[in-house]
Amino acid sequence: MSTRHILLGLLASGPSHGYDLKRRHDERFPQARPLAYGQVYTTLQRLVRDGLAEVEGTESDGGPERTTYRATDDGARELSKWAGEIAPPAPFVTNEIFAKVVVSILSDGDPAGYLRAQRAAHMDRMRELTAVKTAGGADLATVLSADFALNHLDADLRWMTTTAARLTTLTAEVDTA
């Protein structure tokens, strides 16, 4: 995920300061890792350096000084270009579950036991996400995020089922190699 473009997207609705951008990010992307304040301010400095955002002003209101940023026209064009680009599917599978199953097969471990335990963990997470999604008052960002995660977990579960059914063949291939 491009923090640069996410912050530009949040600035598209109007000028804002770093604290507010961090809060809005964490609200709009509830299943994503929360942004660190340092990451927000470093990214804002780079956006200003690159001409995609500019400082609108600085206020203190009796508290800490807050700098307000706004997207420039170049920033709006950059955001529009990024938002329209098709994200290429990953060329390689880099998944910890896949790696652990392969290592378990190669090291004479218990891949079937691992898959059962991982399946249970996935099912627990799916129940949590479904509860979040169906809870009264869930906002659109929360529902979309939960749907995204649920679909990925479902794909993992289908792969685990297929792999569990192939374990005898896969283990035999390793034993004869």
C-alpha atoms as a PDB file:
ATOM      1  CA  MET A   1       0.000   0.000   0.000  1.00  0.00           C
ATOM      2  CA  SER A   2       1.361   3.409  -0.911  1.00  0.00           C
ATOM      3  CA  THR A   3       1.293   5.683   2.143  1.00  0.00           C
ATOM      4  CA  ARG A   4       2.181   8.566  -0.154  1.00  0.00           C
ATOM      5  CA  HIS A   5      -0.936   8.079  -2.248  1.00  0.00           C
ATOM      6  CA  ILE A   6      -3.184   7.298   0.700  1.00  0.00           C
ATOM      7  CA  LEU A   7      -2.218  10.608   2.332  1.00  0.00           C
ATOM      8  CA  LEU A   8      -2.761  12.421  -0.973  1.00  0.00           C
ATOM      9  CA  GLY A   9      -6.195  10.809  -1.127  1.00  0.00           C
ATOM     10  CA  LEU A  10      -7.004  11.990   2.379  1.00  0.00           C
ATOM     11  CA  LEU A  11      -5.803  15.498   1.480  1.00  0.00           C
ATOM     12  CA  ALA A  12      -8.084  15.472  -1.589  1.00  0.00           C
ATOM     13  CA  SER A  13     -11.052  16.235   0.665  1.00  0.00           C
ATOM     14  CA  GLY A  14      -9.342  19.380   1.939  1.00  0.00           C
ATOM     15  CA  PRO A  15      -6.419  20.726   3.944  1.00  0.00           C
ATOM     16  CA  SER A  16      -5.431  18.812   7.050  1.00  0.00           C
ATOM     17  CA  HIS A  17      -2.649  18.436   9.578  1.00  0.00           C
ATOM     18  CA  GLY A  18      -0.640  15.278  10.241  1.00  0.00           C
ATOM     19  CA  TYR A  19      -2.454  14.276  13.426  1.00  0.00           C
ATOM     20  CA  ASP A  20      -5.817  14.415  11.654  1.00  0.00           C
ATOM     21  CA  LEU A  21      -4.461  12.535   8.620  1.00  0.00           C
ATOM     22  CA  LYS A  22      -3.184   9.722  10.849  1.00  0.00           C
ATOM     23  CA  ARG A  23      -6.543   9.498  12.653  1.00  0.00           C
ATOM     24  CA  ARG A  24      -8.501   9.479   9.376  1.00  0.00           C
ATOM     25  CA  HIS A  25      -6.182   6.849   7.892  1.00  0.00           C
ATOM     26  CA  ASP A  26      -6.737   4.564  10.864  1.00  0.00           C
ATOM     27  CA  GLU A  27     -10.526   5.100  10.601  1.00  0.00           C
ATOM     28  CA  ARG A  28     -10.731   4.613   6.823  1.00  0.00           C
ATOM     29  CA  PHE A  29      -8.416   1.586   6.716  1.00  0.00           C
ATOM     30  CA  PRO A  30      -9.500  -0.238   9.894  1.00  0.00           C
ATOM     31  CA  GLN A  31      -7.907  -3.592   9.054  1.00  0.00           C
ATOM     32  CA  ALA A  32      -4.591  -2.054   7.947  1.00  0.00           C
ATOM     33  CA  ARG A  33      -1.673  -1.493  10.255  1.00  0.00           C
ATOM     34  CA  PRO A  34      -2.084   1.927  11.886  1.00  0.00           C
ATOM     35  CA  LEU A  35       0.298   4.584  10.603  1.00  0.00           C
ATOM     36  CA  ALA A  36       3.007   5.847  12.913  1.00  0.00           C
ATOM     37  CA  TYR A  37       3.081   9.620  13.374  1.00  0.00           C
ATOM     38  CA  GLY A  38       6.695   9.678  12.203  1.00  0.00           C
ATOM     39  CA  GLN A  39       5.688   7.967   8.965  1.00  0.00           C
ATOM     40  CA  VAL A  40       2.908  10.499   8.389  1.00  0.00           C
ATOM     41  CA  TYR A  41       5.181  13.514   8.881  1.00  0.00           C
ATOM     42  CA  THR A  42       8.052  12.040   6.876  1.00  0.00           C
ATOM     43  CA  THR A  43       5.668  11.264   4.013  1.00  0.00           C
ATOM     44  CA  LEU A  44       4.166  14.759   4.183  1.00  0.00           C
ATOM     45  CA  GLN A  45       7.660  16.293   3.985  1.00  0.00           C
ATOM     46  CA  ARG A  46       8.392  14.195   0.891  1.00  0.00           C
ATOM     47  CA  LEU A  47       5.079  15.197  -0.705  1.00  0.00           C
ATOM     48  CA  VAL A  48       6.001  18.865  -0.155  1.00  0.00           C
ATOM     49  CA  ARG A  49       9.533  18.280  -1.471  1.00  0.00           C
ATOM     50  CA  ASP A  50       8.102  16.634  -4.605  1.00  0.00           C
ATOM     51  CA  GLY A  51       5.566  19.416  -5.192  1.00  0.00           C
ATOM     52  CA  LEU A  52       2.545  17.175  -4.583  1.00  0.00           C
ATOM     53  CA  ALA A  53       1.474  18.946  -1.375  1.00  0.00           C
ATOM     54  CA  GLU A  54       2.191  22.286   0.203  1.00  0.00           C
ATOM     55  CA  VAL A  55       2.028  23.862   3.612  1.00  0.00           C
ATOM     56  CA  GLU A  56      -1.106  25.941   3.974  1.00  0.00           C
ATOM     57  CA  GLY A  57      -0.330  27.330   7.390  1.00  0.00           C
ATOM     58  CA  THR A  58       0.719  26.692  10.967  1.00  0.00           C
ATOM     59  CA  GLU A  59      -1.486  27.126  14.035  1.00  0.00           C
ATOM     60  CA  SER A  60      -0.957  26.585  17.723  1.00  0.00           C
ATOM     61  CA  ASP A  61      -4.343  27.363  19.346  1.00  0.00           C
ATOM     62  CA  GLY A  62      -2.650  27.321  22.751  1.00  0.00           C
ATOM     63  CA  GLY A  63      -1.356  23.785  22.211  1.00  0.00           C
ATOM     64  CA  PRO A  64       1.369  22.235  20.130  1.00  0.00           C
ATOM     65  CA  GLU A  65       2.047  23.811  16.771  1.00  0.00           C
ATOM     66  CA  ARG A  66       0.165  22.122  13.917  1.00  0.00           C
ATOM     67  CA  THR A  67       1.070  22.511  10.293  1.00  0.00           C
ATOM     68  CA  THR A  68      -1.779  22.216   7.813  1.00  0.00           C
ATOM     69  CA  TYR A  69      -1.072  20.668   4.399  1.00  0.00           C
ATOM     70  CA  ARG A  70      -3.036  20.650   1.192  1.00  0.00           C
ATOM     71  CA  ALA A  71      -2.647  18.749  -2.060  1.00  0.00           C
ATOM     72  CA  THR A  72      -1.381  20.713  -5.056  1.00  0.00           C
ATOM     73  CA  ASP A  73      -2.735  20.377  -8.587  1.00  0.00           C
ATOM     74  CA  ASP A  74       0.266  18.144  -9.344  1.00  0.00           C
ATOM     75  CA  GLY A  75      -0.679  16.073  -6.294  1.00  0.00           C
ATOM     76  CA  ALA A  76      -4.249  15.699  -7.542  1.00  0.00           C
ATOM     77  CA  ARG A  77      -2.979  14.569 -10.947  1.00  0.00           C
ATOM     78  CA  GLU A  78      -0.537  12.120  -9.323  1.00  0.00           C
ATOM     79  CA  LEU A  79      -3.349  10.703  -7.168  1.00  0.00           C
ATOM     80  CA  SER A  80      -5.676  10.332 -10.147  1.00  0.00           C
ATOM     81  CA  LYS A  81      -2.966   8.574 -12.157  1.00  0.00           C
ATOM     82  CA  TRP A  82      -2.131   6.192  -9.273  1.00  0.00           C
ATOM     83  CA  ALA A  83      -5.799   5.417  -8.534  1.00  0.00           C
ATOM     84  CA  GLY A  84      -6.384   4.472 -12.174  1.00  0.00           C
ATOM     85  CA  GLU A  85      -3.374   2.147 -12.526  1.00  0.00           C
ATOM     86  CA  ILE A  86      -4.150  -1.548 -12.504  1.00  0.00           C
ATOM     87  CA  ALA A  87      -2.303  -3.317  -9.695  1.00  0.00           C
ATOM     88  CA  PRO A  88      -0.491  -6.264 -11.270  1.00  0.00           C
ATOM     89  CA  PRO A  89      -1.154  -9.644  -9.690  1.00  0.00           C
ATOM     90  CA  ALA A  90       1.819 -10.835  -7.675  1.00  0.00           C
ATOM     91  CA  PRO A  91       4.157 -12.852  -9.924  1.00  0.00           C
ATOM     92  CA  PHE A  92       5.174 -15.232  -7.124  1.00  0.00           C
ATOM     93  CA  VAL A  93       3.484 -16.735  -4.121  1.00  0.00           C
ATOM     94  CA  THR A  94       5.139 -15.476  -0.976  1.00  0.00           C
ATOM     95  CA  ASN A  95       2.978 -16.692   1.829  1.00  0.00           C
ATOM     96  CA  GLU A  96       4.126 -17.890   5.226  1.00  0.00           C
ATOM     97  CA  ILE A  97       1.523 -20.670   5.318  1.00  0.00           C
ATOM     98  CA  PHE A  98       2.776 -22.059   1.987  1.00  0.00           C
ATOM     99  CA  ALA A  99       6.386 -21.891   3.186  1.00  0.00           C
ATOM    100  CA  LYS A 100       5.607 -23.659   6.473  1.00  0.00           C
ATOM    101  CA  VAL A 101       3.771 -26.481   4.716  1.00  0.00           C
ATOM    102  CA  VAL A 102       6.645 -27.026   2.273  1.00  0.00           C
ATOM    103  CA  VAL A 103       9.242 -26.950   5.056  1.00  0.00           C
ATOM    104  CA  SER A 104       7.113 -29.310   7.131  1.00  0.00           C
ATOM    105  CA  ILE A 105       6.939 -31.791   4.235  1.00  0.00           C
ATOM    106  CA  LEU A 106      10.674 -31.515   3.537  1.00  0.00           C
ATOM    107  CA  SER A 107      11.672 -31.873   7.195  1.00  0.00           C
ATOM    108  CA  ASP A 108       9.397 -34.829   7.923  1.00  0.00           C
ATOM    109  CA  GLY A 109       7.174 -32.635  10.112  1.00  0.00           C
ATOM    110  CA  ASP A 110       3.411 -32.810  10.516  1.00  0.00           C
ATOM    111  CA  PRO A 111       1.982 -30.765   7.623  1.00  0.00           C
ATOM    112  CA  ALA A 112      -1.523 -32.189   8.144  1.00  0.00           C
ATOM    113  CA  GLY A 113      -1.498 -31.130  11.800  1.00  0.00           C
ATOM    114  CA  TYR A 114      -0.203 -27.700  10.875  1.00  0.00           C
ATOM    115  CA  LEU A 115      -2.916 -27.273   8.231  1.00  0.00           C
ATOM    116  CA  ARG A 116      -5.624 -28.281  10.742  1.00  0.00           C
ATOM    117  CA  ALA A 117      -4.354 -25.773  13.305  1.00  0.00           C
ATOM    118  CA  GLN A 118      -3.978 -23.018  10.706  1.00  0.00           C
ATOM    119  CA  ARG A 119      -7.471 -23.738   9.402  1.00  0.00           C
ATOM    120  CA  ALA A 120      -8.859 -23.318  12.941  1.00  0.00           C
ATOM    121  CA  ALA A 121      -7.029 -19.985  13.309  1.00  0.00           C
ATOM    122  CA  HIS A 122      -8.416 -18.807   9.961  1.00  0.00           C
ATOM    123  CA  MET A 123     -11.946 -19.821  10.941  1.00  0.00           C
ATOM    124  CA  ASP A 124     -11.636 -17.913  14.238  1.00  0.00           C
ATOM    125  CA  ARG A 125     -10.494 -14.793  12.373  1.00  0.00           C
ATOM    126  CA  MET A 126     -13.325 -15.159   9.866  1.00  0.00           C
ATOM    127  CA  ARG A 127     -15.848 -15.292  12.724  1.00  0.00           C
ATOM    128  CA  GLU A 128     -14.304 -12.125  14.230  1.00  0.00           C
ATOM    129  CA  LEU A 129     -14.462 -10.273  10.918  1.00  0.00           C
ATOM    130  CA  THR A 130     -18.024 -11.386  10.265  1.00  0.00           C
ATOM    131  CA  ALA A 131     -19.054 -10.119  13.701  1.00  0.00           C
ATOM    132  CA  VAL A 132     -17.366  -6.756  13.044  1.00  0.00           C
ATOM    133  CA  LYS A 133     -19.015  -6.495   9.653  1.00  0.00           C
ATOM    134  CA  THR A 134     -22.498  -7.371  10.858  1.00  0.00           C
ATOM    135  CA  ALA A 135     -22.350  -5.277  14.031  1.00  0.00           C
ATOM    136  CA  GLY A 136     -24.765  -2.421  14.017  1.00  0.00           C
ATOM    137  CA  GLY A 137     -23.220   0.836  12.943  1.00  0.00           C
ATOM    138  CA  ALA A 138     -20.290  -0.611  10.974  1.00  0.00           C
ATOM    139  CA  ASP A 139     -19.172   2.062   8.512  1.00  0.00           C
ATOM    140  CA  LEU A 140     -18.476   1.455   4.829  1.00  0.00           C
ATOM    141  CA  ALA A 141     -14.674   1.327   5.260  1.00  0.00           C
ATOM    142  CA  THR A 142     -15.024  -1.338   7.966  1.00  0.00           C
ATOM    143  CA  VAL A 143     -17.408  -3.444   5.874  1.00  0.00           C
ATOM    144  CA  LEU A 144     -15.219  -3.207   2.749  1.00  0.00           C
ATOM    145  CA  SER A 145     -12.085  -4.021   4.727  1.00  0.00           C
ATOM    146  CA  ALA A 146     -13.733  -7.012   6.409  1.00  0.00           C
ATOM    147  CA  ASP A 147     -15.025  -8.296   3.047  1.00  0.00           C
ATOM    148  CA  PHE A 148     -11.540  -7.999   1.559  1.00  0.00           C
ATOM    149  CA  ALA A 149      -9.952  -9.895   4.448  1.00  0.00           C
ATOM    150  CA  LEU A 150     -12.700 -12.540   4.467  1.00  0.00           C
ATOM    151  CA  ASN A 151     -12.207 -13.253   0.773  1.00  0.00           C
ATOM    152  CA  HIS A 152      -8.458 -13.657   1.245  1.00  0.00           C
ATOM    153  CA  LEU A 153      -8.968 -15.945   4.223  1.00  0.00           C
ATOM    154  CA  ASP A 154     -11.441 -17.970   2.178  1.00  0.00           C
ATOM    155  CA  ALA A 155      -8.880 -18.363  -0.615  1.00  0.00           C
ATOM    156  CA  ASP A 156      -6.316 -19.536   1.954  1.00  0.00           C
ATOM    157  CA  LEU A 157      -8.819 -22.076   3.290  1.00  0.00           C
ATOM    158  CA  ARG A 158      -9.488 -23.447  -0.205  1.00  0.00           C
ATOM    159  CA  TRP A 159      -5.729 -23.809  -0.750  1.00  0.00           C
ATOM    160  CA  MET A 160      -5.352 -25.575   2.619  1.00  0.00           C
ATOM    161  CA  THR A 161      -8.144 -28.023   1.720  1.00  0.00           C
ATOM    162  CA  THR A 162      -6.572 -28.804  -1.659  1.00  0.00           C
ATOM    163  CA  THR A 163      -3.107 -29.175  -0.131  1.00  0.00           C
ATOM    164  CA  ALA A 164      -4.357 -31.416   2.683  1.00  0.00           C
ATOM    165  CA  ALA A 165      -5.915 -33.704   0.065  1.00  0.00           C
ATOM    166  CA  ARG A 166      -2.573 -33.873  -1.789  1.00  0.00           C
ATOM    167  CA  LEU A 167      -0.317 -34.439   1.237  1.00  0.00           C
ATOM    168  CA  THR A 168       0.090 -38.176   0.658  1.00  0.00           C
ATOM    169  CA  THR A 169       1.248 -37.593  -2.907  1.00  0.00           C
ATOM    170  CA  LEU A 170       3.452 -34.632  -1.984  1.00  0.00           C
ATOM    171  CA  THR A 171       5.094 -36.511   0.888  1.00  0.00           C
ATOM    172  CA  ALA A 172       5.691 -39.539  -1.363  1.00  0.00           C
ATOM    173  CA  GLU A 173       7.388 -37.310  -3.946  1.00  0.00           C
ATOM    174  CA  VAL A 174       9.783 -35.985  -1.279  1.00  0.00           C
ATOM    175  CA  ASP A 175      10.490 -39.495   0.051  1.00  0.00           C
ATOM    176  CA  THR A 176      11.445 -40.796  -3.414  1.00  0.00           C
ATOM    177  CA  ALA A 177      13.570 -37.809  -4.364  1.00  0.00           C
END
